[in-house]
């Protein structure tokens, strides 16, 4: 009788161990969201796709000397950098208007803060401004519980 139950017990133990390895978190210990979008801009000045992680007001002040002067930094100056950091998620330079980036979902999994963003593009044939743009999302993220950031594009996006 012991030997017939052993495979079931092993499967249950393995299942519990595996679920412990894949723990994910979608809010802080106080129930606040892991990430929240502060603003977005069509003119962030970041010509390549990527992100900038800002951990302090001092780092934010250094941005004032960079070519992203079309992005207002005022909304980022009121952040409590002990509790939250800022992430600028950029899709790089685009040939026209009509592009935007918005936060879709956030989760901490295995020490990595995963941010999923939704990218809007102008539909074919849409009348758009004929100007180079550099769209980005400005996202406040929790300062604790993660060691790395991964930004991905939401599925079902063009």
N, C-alpha and C. Protein backbone atom coordinates (compact mmCIF):
# COMPACT_ATOMS: atom_id res chain seq x y z
N UNK A 1 0.82 -1.19 0.00
CA UNK A 1 0.00 0.00 0.00
C UNK A 1 0.87 1.26 0.00
N UNK A 2 1.96 1.24 0.71
CA UNK A 2 2.86 2.39 0.74
C UNK A 2 3.42 2.68 -0.64
N UNK A 3 3.77 1.67 -1.38
CA UNK A 3 4.40 1.87 -2.69
C UNK A 3 3.41 2.42 -3.72
N UNK A 4 2.10 2.14 -3.60
CA UNK A 4 1.14 2.66 -4.57
C UNK A 4 0.86 4.14 -4.34
N UNK A 5 1.02 4.63 -3.13
CA UNK A 5 0.77 6.04 -2.84
C UNK A 5 2.02 6.90 -3.03
N UNK A 6 3.17 6.26 -3.08
CA UNK A 6 4.42 7.00 -3.20
C UNK A 6 4.48 7.89 -4.44
N UNK A 7 4.08 7.42 -5.63
CA UNK A 7 4.13 8.32 -6.80
C UNK A 7 3.24 9.55 -6.63
N UNK A 8 2.06 9.37 -6.03
CA UNK A 8 1.16 10.51 -5.82
C UNK A 8 1.77 11.52 -4.85
N UNK A 9 2.36 11.01 -3.77
CA UNK A 9 2.99 11.88 -2.78
C UNK A 9 4.15 12.64 -3.42
N UNK A 10 4.94 11.95 -4.23
CA UNK A 10 6.07 12.61 -4.90
C UNK A 10 5.59 13.71 -5.84
N UNK A 11 4.50 13.45 -6.56
CA UNK A 11 3.96 14.46 -7.46
C UNK A 11 3.45 15.67 -6.69
N UNK A 12 2.80 15.43 -5.58
CA UNK A 12 2.30 16.55 -4.77
C UNK A 12 3.46 17.37 -4.23
N UNK A 13 4.49 16.71 -3.70
CA UNK A 13 5.65 17.42 -3.17
C UNK A 13 6.34 18.20 -4.28
N UNK A 14 6.52 17.60 -5.44
CA UNK A 14 7.14 18.29 -6.57
C UNK A 14 6.31 19.49 -7.00
N UNK A 15 4.99 19.34 -6.99
CA UNK A 15 4.11 20.45 -7.36
C UNK A 15 4.23 21.62 -6.40
N UNK A 16 4.30 21.33 -5.10
CA UNK A 16 4.45 22.38 -4.10
C UNK A 16 5.80 23.06 -4.26
N UNK A 17 6.86 22.28 -4.47
CA UNK A 17 8.19 22.87 -4.66
C UNK A 17 8.24 23.73 -5.91
N UNK A 18 7.64 23.26 -6.99
CA UNK A 18 7.66 24.02 -8.25
C UNK A 18 6.87 25.31 -8.11
N UNK A 19 5.76 25.27 -7.42
CA UNK A 19 4.98 26.50 -7.26
C UNK A 19 5.71 27.50 -6.38
N UNK A 20 6.50 27.02 -5.44
CA UNK A 20 7.30 27.92 -4.61
C UNK A 20 8.37 28.62 -5.40
N UNK A 21 8.85 28.00 -6.47
CA UNK A 21 9.89 28.60 -7.30
C UNK A 21 9.33 29.65 -8.25
N UNK A 22 8.05 29.61 -8.52
CA UNK A 22 7.48 30.52 -9.51
C UNK A 22 6.55 31.56 -8.86
N UNK A 23 6.87 31.94 -7.64
CA UNK A 23 6.06 32.92 -6.93
C UNK A 23 6.15 34.26 -7.66
N UNK A 24 5.00 34.87 -7.84
CA UNK A 24 4.99 36.19 -8.46
C UNK A 24 4.21 37.14 -7.57
N UNK A 25 4.47 38.41 -7.77
CA UNK A 25 3.87 39.45 -6.94
C UNK A 25 3.34 40.54 -7.86
N UNK A 26 2.10 40.96 -7.64
CA UNK A 26 1.51 41.99 -8.50
C UNK A 26 1.19 43.28 -7.75
N UNK A 27 1.49 43.32 -6.44
CA UNK A 27 1.31 44.55 -5.67
C UNK A 27 2.30 44.56 -4.52
N UNK A 28 2.50 45.73 -3.92
CA UNK A 28 3.42 45.84 -2.80
C UNK A 28 2.79 45.22 -1.56
N UNK A 29 3.58 45.11 -0.49
CA UNK A 29 3.07 44.55 0.76
C UNK A 29 1.91 45.37 1.33
N UNK A 30 1.86 46.66 1.01
CA UNK A 30 0.78 47.51 1.50
C UNK A 30 -0.42 47.54 0.56
N UNK A 31 -0.36 46.77 -0.54
CA UNK A 31 -1.47 46.71 -1.48
C UNK A 31 -1.40 47.72 -2.61
N UNK A 32 -0.34 48.50 -2.66
CA UNK A 32 -0.18 49.48 -3.74
C UNK A 32 0.28 48.78 -5.02
N UNK A 33 0.00 49.36 -6.18
CA UNK A 33 0.47 48.74 -7.43
C UNK A 33 2.00 48.78 -7.49
N UNK A 34 2.59 47.79 -8.16
CA UNK A 34 4.04 47.76 -8.33
C UNK A 34 4.51 48.88 -9.24
N UNK A 35 3.65 49.26 -10.17
CA UNK A 35 4.00 50.30 -11.13
C UNK A 35 2.76 51.10 -11.48
N UNK A 36 2.98 52.38 -11.76
CA UNK A 36 1.88 53.24 -12.19
C UNK A 36 2.43 54.23 -13.20
N UNK A 37 1.65 54.50 -14.21
CA UNK A 37 2.10 55.43 -15.24
C UNK A 37 1.87 56.85 -14.77
N UNK A 38 2.92 57.66 -14.81
CA UNK A 38 2.82 59.06 -14.42
C UNK A 38 2.37 59.89 -15.61
N UNK A 39 2.99 59.68 -16.75
CA UNK A 39 2.64 60.41 -17.96
C UNK A 39 3.22 59.68 -19.16
N UNK A 40 2.94 60.21 -20.31
CA UNK A 40 3.56 59.73 -21.55
C UNK A 40 3.85 60.96 -22.41
N UNK A 41 4.76 60.79 -23.34
CA UNK A 41 5.11 61.91 -24.19
C UNK A 41 5.47 61.40 -25.57
N UNK A 42 5.19 62.22 -26.58
CA UNK A 42 5.59 61.89 -27.95
C UNK A 42 6.99 62.43 -28.24
N UNK A 43 7.54 63.19 -27.30
CA UNK A 43 8.84 63.83 -27.53
C UNK A 43 9.76 63.67 -26.32
N UNK A 44 10.13 62.43 -26.02
CA UNK A 44 11.02 62.17 -24.89
C UNK A 44 12.48 62.44 -25.21
N UNK A 45 12.83 62.41 -26.48
CA UNK A 45 14.21 62.66 -26.87
C UNK A 45 15.09 61.43 -26.89
N UNK A 46 14.54 60.26 -26.60
CA UNK A 46 15.31 59.01 -26.62
C UNK A 46 15.16 58.40 -28.02
N UNK A 47 16.20 58.50 -28.84
CA UNK A 47 16.09 58.10 -30.25
C UNK A 47 16.21 56.59 -30.45
N UNK A 48 16.70 55.86 -29.47
CA UNK A 48 16.80 54.41 -29.58
C UNK A 48 15.80 53.76 -28.62
N UNK A 49 15.24 52.60 -28.98
CA UNK A 49 14.37 51.89 -28.05
C UNK A 49 15.16 51.50 -26.80
N UNK A 50 14.51 51.55 -25.66
CA UNK A 50 15.18 51.17 -24.42
C UNK A 50 14.54 51.83 -23.23
N UNK A 51 15.28 51.87 -22.14
CA UNK A 51 14.72 52.46 -20.92
C UNK A 51 15.81 53.18 -20.13
N UNK A 52 15.37 54.07 -19.28
CA UNK A 52 16.23 54.76 -18.33
C UNK A 52 15.63 54.54 -16.95
N UNK A 53 16.46 54.09 -16.01
CA UNK A 53 16.03 53.85 -14.63
C UNK A 53 16.58 54.98 -13.77
N UNK A 54 15.70 55.69 -13.08
CA UNK A 54 16.08 56.84 -12.25
C UNK A 54 15.78 56.49 -10.79
N UNK A 55 16.83 56.44 -9.96
CA UNK A 55 16.69 56.03 -8.57
C UNK A 55 16.69 57.18 -7.57
N UNK A 56 17.00 58.39 -8.02
CA UNK A 56 17.10 59.50 -7.07
C UNK A 56 16.81 60.83 -7.76
N UNK A 57 16.55 61.84 -6.95
CA UNK A 57 16.34 63.19 -7.48
C UNK A 57 17.62 63.71 -8.14
N UNK A 58 18.77 63.31 -7.61
CA UNK A 58 20.05 63.70 -8.19
C UNK A 58 20.17 63.16 -9.62
N UNK A 59 19.78 61.90 -9.84
CA UNK A 59 19.82 61.33 -11.19
C UNK A 59 18.83 62.04 -12.10
N UNK A 60 17.68 62.41 -11.56
CA UNK A 60 16.68 63.13 -12.36
C UNK A 60 17.24 64.48 -12.80
N UNK A 61 17.95 65.16 -11.93
CA UNK A 61 18.52 66.46 -12.27
C UNK A 61 19.54 66.35 -13.41
N UNK A 62 20.23 65.22 -13.49
CA UNK A 62 21.18 65.02 -14.60
C UNK A 62 20.45 64.94 -15.93
N UNK A 63 19.20 64.48 -15.92
CA UNK A 63 18.43 64.41 -17.17
C UNK A 63 18.16 65.80 -17.74
N UNK A 64 18.14 66.80 -16.88
CA UNK A 64 17.87 68.16 -17.34
C UNK A 64 18.93 68.65 -18.33
N UNK A 65 20.10 68.06 -18.31
CA UNK A 65 21.16 68.46 -19.24
C UNK A 65 21.14 67.65 -20.53
N UNK A 66 20.28 66.66 -20.61
CA UNK A 66 20.21 65.80 -21.80
C UNK A 66 19.25 66.39 -22.82
N UNK A 67 19.29 65.88 -24.06
CA UNK A 67 18.47 66.46 -25.13
C UNK A 67 16.97 66.19 -25.01
N UNK A 68 16.50 65.66 -23.93
CA UNK A 68 15.07 65.35 -23.79
C UNK A 68 14.30 66.51 -23.17
N UNK A 69 14.65 67.70 -23.54
CA UNK A 69 14.05 68.89 -22.95
C UNK A 69 12.56 69.03 -23.26
N UNK A 70 12.03 68.31 -24.22
CA UNK A 70 10.60 68.39 -24.50
C UNK A 70 9.78 67.59 -23.50
N UNK A 71 10.43 66.76 -22.71
CA UNK A 71 9.75 65.98 -21.68
C UNK A 71 9.80 66.76 -20.37
N UNK A 72 8.63 67.11 -19.85
CA UNK A 72 8.59 67.83 -18.58
C UNK A 72 9.00 66.90 -17.44
N UNK A 73 9.94 67.33 -16.65
CA UNK A 73 10.42 66.54 -15.52
C UNK A 73 9.70 66.90 -14.22
N UNK A 74 8.82 67.88 -14.26
CA UNK A 74 8.14 68.36 -13.05
C UNK A 74 7.38 67.25 -12.33
N UNK A 75 6.67 66.40 -13.07
CA UNK A 75 5.88 65.34 -12.43
C UNK A 75 6.76 64.31 -11.74
N UNK A 76 8.04 64.25 -12.11
CA UNK A 76 8.96 63.28 -11.52
C UNK A 76 9.68 63.84 -10.30
N UNK A 77 9.63 65.15 -10.10
CA UNK A 77 10.33 65.77 -8.97
C UNK A 77 9.61 65.54 -7.65
N UNK A 78 8.32 65.27 -7.68
CA UNK A 78 7.55 65.04 -6.46
C UNK A 78 7.55 63.60 -5.98
N UNK A 79 8.28 62.73 -6.63
CA UNK A 79 8.32 61.32 -6.26
C UNK A 79 9.15 61.13 -4.99
N UNK A 80 8.69 60.25 -4.10
CA UNK A 80 9.47 59.85 -2.93
C UNK A 80 10.39 58.73 -3.39
N UNK A 81 11.65 59.05 -3.68
CA UNK A 81 12.57 58.08 -4.25
C UNK A 81 13.00 57.00 -3.27
N UNK A 82 12.64 57.11 -2.00
CA UNK A 82 12.86 56.01 -1.05
C UNK A 82 11.86 54.89 -1.31
N UNK A 83 10.66 55.25 -1.79
CA UNK A 83 9.60 54.26 -2.03
C UNK A 83 9.45 53.88 -3.49
N UNK A 84 9.72 54.82 -4.39
CA UNK A 84 9.50 54.57 -5.82
C UNK A 84 10.70 55.06 -6.64
N UNK A 85 10.89 54.42 -7.77
CA UNK A 85 11.86 54.86 -8.76
C UNK A 85 11.09 55.21 -10.03
N UNK A 86 11.77 55.80 -10.99
CA UNK A 86 11.16 56.15 -12.27
C UNK A 86 11.79 55.31 -13.37
N UNK A 87 10.97 54.84 -14.28
CA UNK A 87 11.45 54.16 -15.48
C UNK A 87 10.87 54.89 -16.69
N UNK A 88 11.73 55.30 -17.61
CA UNK A 88 11.29 55.84 -18.89
C UNK A 88 11.38 54.70 -19.89
N UNK A 89 10.26 54.28 -20.44
CA UNK A 89 10.24 53.19 -21.43
C UNK A 89 10.01 53.80 -22.80
N UNK A 90 11.00 53.68 -23.67
CA UNK A 90 10.97 54.34 -24.98
C UNK A 90 10.91 53.32 -26.11
N UNK A 91 10.19 53.68 -27.18
CA UNK A 91 10.19 52.83 -28.38
C UNK A 91 11.10 53.42 -29.46
N UNK A 92 11.84 54.46 -29.11
CA UNK A 92 12.79 55.04 -30.06
C UNK A 92 12.14 56.05 -30.99
N UNK A 93 12.93 56.51 -31.93
CA UNK A 93 12.47 57.54 -32.87
C UNK A 93 11.51 56.95 -33.90
N UNK A 94 10.42 57.65 -34.16
CA UNK A 94 9.42 57.25 -35.15
C UNK A 94 9.28 58.35 -36.19
N UNK A 95 8.89 58.00 -37.43
CA UNK A 95 8.87 58.97 -38.52
C UNK A 95 7.69 59.95 -38.51
N UNK A 96 6.66 59.65 -37.72
CA UNK A 96 5.46 60.49 -37.70
C UNK A 96 4.87 60.52 -36.29
N UNK A 97 3.81 61.29 -36.13
CA UNK A 97 3.03 61.24 -34.91
C UNK A 97 2.14 60.01 -34.93
N UNK A 98 1.35 59.83 -33.89
CA UNK A 98 0.41 58.72 -33.83
C UNK A 98 0.89 57.52 -33.05
N UNK A 99 2.10 57.57 -32.52
CA UNK A 99 2.65 56.48 -31.71
C UNK A 99 2.54 56.85 -30.24
N UNK A 100 2.30 55.85 -29.39
CA UNK A 100 2.30 56.10 -27.94
C UNK A 100 2.66 54.82 -27.20
N UNK A 101 3.07 55.00 -25.95
CA UNK A 101 3.45 53.88 -25.08
C UNK A 101 2.67 54.03 -23.78
N UNK A 102 2.04 52.95 -23.32
CA UNK A 102 1.32 52.97 -22.05
C UNK A 102 1.62 51.70 -21.27
N UNK A 103 1.63 51.82 -19.95
CA UNK A 103 1.83 50.67 -19.08
C UNK A 103 0.60 49.77 -19.14
N UNK A 104 0.83 48.48 -19.34
CA UNK A 104 -0.25 47.51 -19.43
C UNK A 104 -0.34 46.64 -18.17
N UNK A 105 0.81 46.22 -17.64
CA UNK A 105 0.81 45.26 -16.53
C UNK A 105 2.19 45.28 -15.87
N UNK A 106 2.23 44.99 -14.57
CA UNK A 106 3.52 44.86 -13.87
C UNK A 106 3.45 43.68 -12.92
N UNK A 107 4.62 43.04 -12.75
CA UNK A 107 4.70 41.87 -11.89
C UNK A 107 6.16 41.66 -11.50
N UNK A 108 6.38 41.21 -10.26
CA UNK A 108 7.72 40.80 -9.84
C UNK A 108 7.73 39.28 -9.85
N UNK A 109 8.69 38.72 -10.59
CA UNK A 109 8.81 37.27 -10.67
C UNK A 109 10.30 36.92 -10.59
N UNK A 110 10.65 36.13 -9.58
CA UNK A 110 12.03 35.70 -9.44
C UNK A 110 13.03 36.83 -9.31
N UNK A 111 12.65 37.92 -8.64
CA UNK A 111 13.55 39.04 -8.46
C UNK A 111 13.61 40.02 -9.62
N UNK A 112 12.81 39.77 -10.66
CA UNK A 112 12.77 40.66 -11.82
C UNK A 112 11.43 41.39 -11.88
N UNK A 113 11.49 42.70 -11.97
CA UNK A 113 10.29 43.51 -12.16
C UNK A 113 9.97 43.49 -13.65
N UNK A 114 8.87 42.88 -14.00
CA UNK A 114 8.46 42.78 -15.40
C UNK A 114 7.40 43.83 -15.68
N UNK A 115 7.70 44.72 -16.61
CA UNK A 115 6.76 45.75 -17.05
C UNK A 115 6.32 45.40 -18.46
N UNK A 116 5.03 45.32 -18.67
CA UNK A 116 4.50 45.08 -20.01
C UNK A 116 3.87 46.38 -20.49
N UNK A 117 4.31 46.84 -21.66
CA UNK A 117 3.77 48.09 -22.20
C UNK A 117 3.00 47.81 -23.49
N UNK A 118 2.02 48.65 -23.72
CA UNK A 118 1.22 48.58 -24.94
C UNK A 118 1.68 49.73 -25.83
N UNK A 119 1.97 49.40 -27.08
CA UNK A 119 2.43 50.39 -28.05
C UNK A 119 1.33 50.62 -29.07
N UNK A 120 0.90 51.87 -29.21
CA UNK A 120 -0.10 52.22 -30.22
C UNK A 120 0.64 52.80 -31.43
N UNK A 121 0.21 52.38 -32.60
CA UNK A 121 0.78 52.86 -33.86
C UNK A 121 -0.34 53.41 -34.71
N UNK A 122 -0.06 54.37 -35.58
CA UNK A 122 -1.12 54.88 -36.45
C UNK A 122 -1.57 53.80 -37.43
N UNK A 123 -2.86 53.72 -37.64
CA UNK A 123 -3.40 52.75 -38.61
C UNK A 123 -2.98 53.17 -40.02
N UNK A 124 -2.82 52.21 -40.91
CA UNK A 124 -2.46 52.55 -42.30
C UNK A 124 -3.47 53.53 -42.89
N UNK A 125 -2.97 54.55 -43.55
CA UNK A 125 -3.83 55.54 -44.19
C UNK A 125 -4.28 56.67 -43.28
N UNK A 126 -3.94 56.60 -42.00
CA UNK A 126 -4.33 57.64 -41.05
C UNK A 126 -3.53 58.91 -41.31
N UNK A 127 -4.19 60.05 -41.21
CA UNK A 127 -3.50 61.32 -41.34
C UNK A 127 -2.80 61.61 -40.01
N UNK A 128 -1.48 61.78 -40.08
CA UNK A 128 -0.68 62.03 -38.88
C UNK A 128 0.27 63.20 -39.13
N UNK A 129 0.79 63.76 -38.06
CA UNK A 129 1.77 64.83 -38.20
C UNK A 129 3.03 64.28 -38.85
N UNK A 130 3.62 65.07 -39.71
CA UNK A 130 4.86 64.67 -40.37
C UNK A 130 6.03 65.27 -39.59
N UNK A 131 6.34 64.65 -38.49
CA UNK A 131 7.43 65.11 -37.62
C UNK A 131 8.04 63.90 -36.95
N UNK A 132 9.34 63.95 -36.73
CA UNK A 132 9.99 62.88 -35.99
C UNK A 132 9.52 62.95 -34.54
N UNK A 133 9.17 61.80 -33.99
CA UNK A 133 8.73 61.72 -32.60
C UNK A 133 9.57 60.68 -31.87
N UNK A 134 9.61 60.79 -30.55
CA UNK A 134 10.33 59.83 -29.71
C UNK A 134 9.44 59.46 -28.51
N UNK A 135 8.40 58.64 -28.76
CA UNK A 135 7.41 58.33 -27.72
C UNK A 135 7.99 57.52 -26.55
N UNK A 136 7.50 57.82 -25.36
CA UNK A 136 7.87 57.03 -24.19
C UNK A 136 6.77 57.13 -23.14
N UNK A 137 6.84 56.20 -22.19
CA UNK A 137 5.98 56.23 -21.00
C UNK A 137 6.87 56.51 -19.80
N UNK A 138 6.37 57.33 -18.89
CA UNK A 138 7.07 57.61 -17.63
C UNK A 138 6.34 56.83 -16.55
N UNK A 139 7.04 55.87 -15.95
CA UNK A 139 6.41 54.92 -15.03
C UNK A 139 7.10 54.99 -13.67
N UNK A 140 6.31 55.14 -12.61
CA UNK A 140 6.83 55.05 -11.24
C UNK A 140 6.72 53.59 -10.82
N UNK A 141 7.83 53.03 -10.30
CA UNK A 141 7.85 51.62 -9.90
C UNK A 141 8.27 51.52 -8.44
N UNK A 142 7.81 50.47 -7.77
CA UNK A 142 8.22 50.25 -6.39
C UNK A 142 9.73 50.11 -6.32
N UNK A 143 10.33 50.61 -5.25
CA UNK A 143 11.78 50.58 -5.10
C UNK A 143 12.28 49.27 -4.47
N UNK A 144 11.38 48.41 -4.04
CA UNK A 144 11.78 47.20 -3.31
C UNK A 144 11.26 45.94 -3.95
N UNK A 145 11.95 44.83 -3.66
CA UNK A 145 11.46 43.51 -4.06
C UNK A 145 11.98 43.00 -5.38
N UNK A 146 12.86 43.73 -6.03
CA UNK A 146 13.39 43.29 -7.33
C UNK A 146 14.84 43.75 -7.49
N UNK A 147 15.55 43.04 -8.37
CA UNK A 147 16.95 43.35 -8.66
C UNK A 147 17.17 43.75 -10.11
N UNK A 148 16.23 43.42 -10.97
CA UNK A 148 16.38 43.65 -12.41
C UNK A 148 15.03 44.07 -12.99
N UNK A 149 15.07 44.77 -14.11
CA UNK A 149 13.85 45.19 -14.80
C UNK A 149 13.84 44.59 -16.19
N UNK A 150 12.68 44.08 -16.59
CA UNK A 150 12.48 43.59 -17.95
C UNK A 150 11.23 44.26 -18.51
N UNK A 151 11.37 44.88 -19.67
CA UNK A 151 10.23 45.54 -20.30
C UNK A 151 9.90 44.79 -21.58
N UNK A 152 8.64 44.39 -21.70
CA UNK A 152 8.19 43.68 -22.90
C UNK A 152 6.98 44.38 -23.49
N UNK A 153 6.76 44.11 -24.76
CA UNK A 153 5.61 44.67 -25.46
C UNK A 153 4.43 43.72 -25.29
N UNK A 154 3.27 44.26 -24.98
CA UNK A 154 2.07 43.44 -24.79
C UNK A 154 1.73 42.70 -26.07
N UNK A 155 1.26 41.48 -25.92
CA UNK A 155 0.83 40.70 -27.09
C UNK A 155 -0.40 41.35 -27.70
N UNK A 156 -0.73 40.94 -28.91
CA UNK A 156 -1.86 41.49 -29.67
C UNK A 156 -1.64 42.95 -30.01
N UNK A 157 -0.40 43.37 -29.99
CA UNK A 157 -0.01 44.70 -30.43
C UNK A 157 0.50 44.58 -31.84
N UNK A 158 0.26 45.59 -32.63
CA UNK A 158 0.81 45.57 -33.98
C UNK A 158 2.30 45.75 -33.93
